[in-house]
């Protein structure tokens, strides 16, 4: 039978430093540790990639929302600009029955009146020729409306025009007289 030769001297001292067990058993825990580290790293990368993809989708959705809100804000700003334009304000004031004011009079700090006040001049109220801003831009259609088909042999019907009387505004209050108002000290 084979027997290991006995080592002497320097070889014996080196042999004592090396472990004397089976060599295959010492590699197994190391291989398992490496496999677990690689598997954990791959799973971690997969989870990180999924989280980044989900964040990217949320970012795209939020950017779409911002774009739609910006478009809506611009449309509302156009409406505000159209309503606050001088011609639109004048048209709406006339529709409410307002007329341009006359010459103004000013009160001085001592209570005297500077200038001669005059009543507003009545004017003929006419229907405006300018359309309202909502008539110019009705917005997106809610449902498609069918258009009536007209055969080429038939002319389209002529719109009927009925004359409407134009009402006039007559003031009912007498003109304001220039008076001196009493003053209160300290005001």
Protein backbone atom coordinates (compact mmCIF):
# COMPACT_ATOMS: atom_id res chain seq x y z
CA UNK A 1 0.00 0.00 0.00
CA UNK A 2 1.06 3.37 -0.64
CA UNK A 3 2.17 5.43 2.15
CA UNK A 4 3.09 9.06 2.16
CA UNK A 5 6.71 9.65 2.60
CA UNK A 6 7.70 11.56 5.63
CA UNK A 7 9.00 14.99 5.05
CA UNK A 8 12.08 16.28 6.72
CA UNK A 9 13.54 19.67 7.38
CA UNK A 10 12.23 22.60 5.48
CA UNK A 11 9.55 20.66 3.62
CA UNK A 12 8.08 19.47 6.94
CA UNK A 13 7.80 23.01 8.24
CA UNK A 14 6.03 24.14 5.03
CA UNK A 15 3.70 21.17 5.12
CA UNK A 16 2.51 22.17 8.57
CA UNK A 17 1.40 25.57 7.23
CA UNK A 18 -0.93 24.04 4.59
CA UNK A 19 -4.33 22.67 5.66
CA UNK A 20 -4.54 18.89 5.65
CA UNK A 21 -8.22 18.46 4.60
CA UNK A 22 -9.91 17.62 1.30
CA UNK A 23 -9.41 20.40 -1.23
CA UNK A 24 -12.85 20.17 -2.98
CA UNK A 25 -14.79 20.98 0.16
CA UNK A 26 -12.94 24.27 0.65
CA UNK A 27 -13.92 25.58 -2.81
CA UNK A 28 -17.67 24.94 -2.52
CA UNK A 29 -18.54 27.81 -0.11
CA UNK A 30 -16.51 30.25 -2.17
CA UNK A 31 -18.27 29.25 -5.43
CA UNK A 32 -21.67 29.52 -3.72
CA UNK A 33 -20.78 32.98 -2.40
CA UNK A 34 -19.72 34.18 -5.86
CA UNK A 35 -22.90 32.77 -7.48
CA UNK A 36 -25.09 34.41 -4.82
CA UNK A 37 -23.34 37.77 -5.27
CA UNK A 38 -23.71 37.63 -9.06
CA UNK A 39 -27.39 36.57 -8.81
CA UNK A 40 -28.14 39.30 -6.25
CA UNK A 41 -26.42 41.89 -8.45
CA UNK A 42 -28.43 40.84 -11.51
CA UNK A 43 -31.71 40.93 -9.55
CA UNK A 44 -30.77 44.35 -8.17
CA UNK A 45 -30.07 45.65 -11.69
CA UNK A 46 -33.42 44.28 -12.88
CA UNK A 47 -35.30 46.01 -10.05
CA UNK A 48 -33.41 49.27 -10.66
CA UNK A 49 -34.12 49.13 -14.40
CA UNK A 50 -37.83 48.53 -13.74
CA UNK A 51 -38.00 51.49 -11.34
CA UNK A 52 -36.27 53.76 -13.87
CA UNK A 53 -38.66 52.67 -16.62
CA UNK A 54 -41.68 53.34 -14.42
CA UNK A 55 -40.31 56.79 -13.55
CA UNK A 56 -39.76 57.49 -17.24
CA UNK A 57 -43.38 56.64 -18.04
CA UNK A 58 -44.63 58.87 -15.22
CA UNK A 59 -42.40 61.69 -16.50
CA UNK A 60 -43.86 61.34 -20.01
CA UNK A 61 -47.41 61.44 -18.64
CA UNK A 62 -46.65 64.53 -16.55
CA UNK A 63 -45.05 66.28 -19.52
CA UNK A 64 -48.18 65.57 -21.59
CA UNK A 65 -50.32 67.02 -18.78
CA UNK A 66 -48.14 70.14 -18.63
CA UNK A 67 -48.47 70.59 -22.39
CA UNK A 68 -52.26 70.29 -22.30
CA UNK A 69 -52.49 72.68 -19.33
CA UNK A 70 -50.24 75.16 -21.12
CA UNK A 71 -52.45 75.00 -24.22
CA UNK A 72 -55.55 75.54 -22.07
CA UNK A 73 -53.91 78.48 -20.30
CA UNK A 74 -53.03 80.08 -23.63
CA UNK A 75 -56.60 79.63 -24.88
CA UNK A 76 -57.97 81.22 -21.72
CA UNK A 77 -55.49 84.09 -22.02
CA UNK A 78 -56.66 84.69 -25.61
CA UNK A 79 -60.26 84.84 -24.32
CA UNK A 80 -59.29 87.32 -21.60
CA UNK A 81 -57.44 89.46 -24.14
CA UNK A 82 -60.43 89.38 -26.48
CA UNK A 83 -62.84 90.39 -23.68
CA UNK A 84 -60.61 93.17 -22.40
CA UNK A 85 -59.91 94.74 -25.81
CA UNK A 86 -61.24 98.31 -26.06
CA UNK A 87 -63.66 97.55 -28.90
CA UNK A 88 -65.09 94.55 -27.03
CA UNK A 89 -65.52 96.60 -23.86
CA UNK A 90 -67.25 99.36 -25.82
CA UNK A 91 -69.55 96.86 -27.52
CA UNK A 92 -70.54 95.21 -24.24
CA UNK A 93 -71.09 98.60 -22.58
CA UNK A 94 -73.43 99.63 -25.40
CA UNK A 95 -75.29 96.33 -25.06
CA UNK A 96 -75.86 97.17 -21.39
CA UNK A 97 -77.23 100.59 -22.33
CA UNK A 98 -74.22 102.65 -21.30
CA UNK A 99 -73.35 105.80 -23.22
CA UNK A 100 -70.11 107.79 -23.35
CA UNK A 101 -69.85 110.36 -20.57
CA UNK A 102 -69.82 114.10 -21.12
CA UNK A 103 -67.22 116.60 -19.97
CA UNK A 104 -66.08 115.80 -16.44
CA UNK A 105 -66.06 118.19 -13.52
CA UNK A 106 -63.44 118.01 -10.77
CA UNK A 107 -63.66 118.86 -7.08
CA UNK A 108 -60.82 120.92 -5.68
CA UNK A 109 -59.55 120.23 -2.13
CA UNK A 110 -61.31 123.38 -0.91
CA UNK A 111 -64.68 122.09 -2.17
CA UNK A 112 -65.02 124.22 -5.30
CA UNK A 113 -66.00 122.66 -8.58
CA UNK A 114 -63.62 123.03 -11.49
CA UNK A 115 -65.22 122.72 -14.91
CA UNK A 116 -68.83 122.53 -15.99
CA UNK A 117 -70.34 119.06 -15.69
CA UNK A 118 -72.61 117.94 -18.46
CA UNK A 119 -74.93 115.00 -18.80
CA UNK A 120 -74.05 112.07 -21.00
CA UNK A 121 -75.28 112.54 -24.53
CA UNK A 122 -77.89 110.00 -25.51
CA UNK A 123 -76.99 108.04 -28.55
CA UNK A 124 -78.80 105.70 -30.80
CA UNK A 125 -78.35 102.12 -29.66
CA UNK A 126 -77.49 99.93 -32.58
CA UNK A 127 -76.84 96.28 -32.84
CA UNK A 128 -73.09 95.69 -32.88
CA UNK A 129 -71.40 94.73 -36.11
CA UNK A 130 -68.57 93.06 -34.21
CA UNK A 131 -69.15 89.50 -33.08
CA UNK A 132 -68.55 88.42 -29.50
CA UNK A 133 -65.25 86.62 -28.86
CA UNK A 134 -67.04 83.36 -28.10
CA UNK A 135 -68.72 83.57 -31.50
CA UNK A 136 -65.33 83.92 -33.19
CA UNK A 137 -63.73 80.93 -31.44
CA UNK A 138 -66.42 78.47 -30.33
CA UNK A 139 -63.83 75.87 -29.24
CA UNK A 140 -63.67 72.23 -30.26
CA UNK A 141 -66.96 70.76 -31.43
CA UNK A 142 -68.48 68.41 -28.90
CA UNK A 143 -70.10 66.22 -31.53
CA UNK A 144 -69.87 66.33 -35.29
CA UNK A 145 -72.90 68.03 -36.80
CA UNK A 146 -74.14 66.78 -40.13
CA UNK A 147 -74.12 69.39 -42.85
CA UNK A 148 -77.22 69.56 -45.02
CA UNK A 149 -76.54 68.53 -48.55
CA UNK A 150 -77.72 70.87 -51.29
CA UNK A 151 -78.03 69.62 -54.82
CA UNK A 152 -76.15 71.69 -57.41
CA UNK A 153 -79.35 72.30 -59.41
CA UNK A 154 -81.03 73.91 -56.40
CA UNK A 155 -79.87 77.35 -55.24
CA UNK A 156 -79.46 77.75 -51.46
CA UNK A 157 -82.36 79.46 -49.71
CA UNK A 158 -81.97 83.22 -49.32
CA UNK A 159 -81.81 84.48 -45.73
CA UNK A 160 -84.82 86.50 -44.72
CA UNK A 161 -84.09 90.03 -43.55
CA UNK A 162 -86.54 91.76 -41.31
CA UNK A 163 -85.95 95.40 -40.41
CA UNK A 164 -85.64 96.02 -36.68
CA UNK A 165 -86.29 99.44 -35.20
CA UNK A 166 -83.32 101.03 -33.46
CA UNK A 167 -84.33 102.22 -29.99
CA UNK A 168 -83.11 105.56 -28.74
CA UNK A 169 -82.13 106.40 -25.20
CA UNK A 170 -83.71 109.50 -23.68
CA UNK A 171 -82.36 110.72 -20.33
CA UNK A 172 -84.95 111.26 -17.62
CA UNK A 173 -82.85 113.16 -15.08
CA UNK A 174 -82.20 116.93 -15.30
CA UNK A 175 -78.61 118.12 -15.92
CA UNK A 176 -76.39 118.53 -12.85
CA UNK A 177 -75.87 122.10 -11.65
CA UNK A 178 -72.49 123.39 -10.49
CA UNK A 179 -72.58 123.99 -6.75
CA UNK A 180 -70.02 124.62 -4.09
CA UNK A 181 -69.92 121.85 -1.51
CA UNK A 182 -69.15 122.55 2.15
CA UNK A 183 -65.82 121.19 3.32
CA UNK A 184 -65.02 119.41 6.52
CA UNK A 185 -61.62 120.18 8.06
CA UNK A 186 -59.24 117.26 8.12
CA UNK A 187 -60.48 115.63 4.98
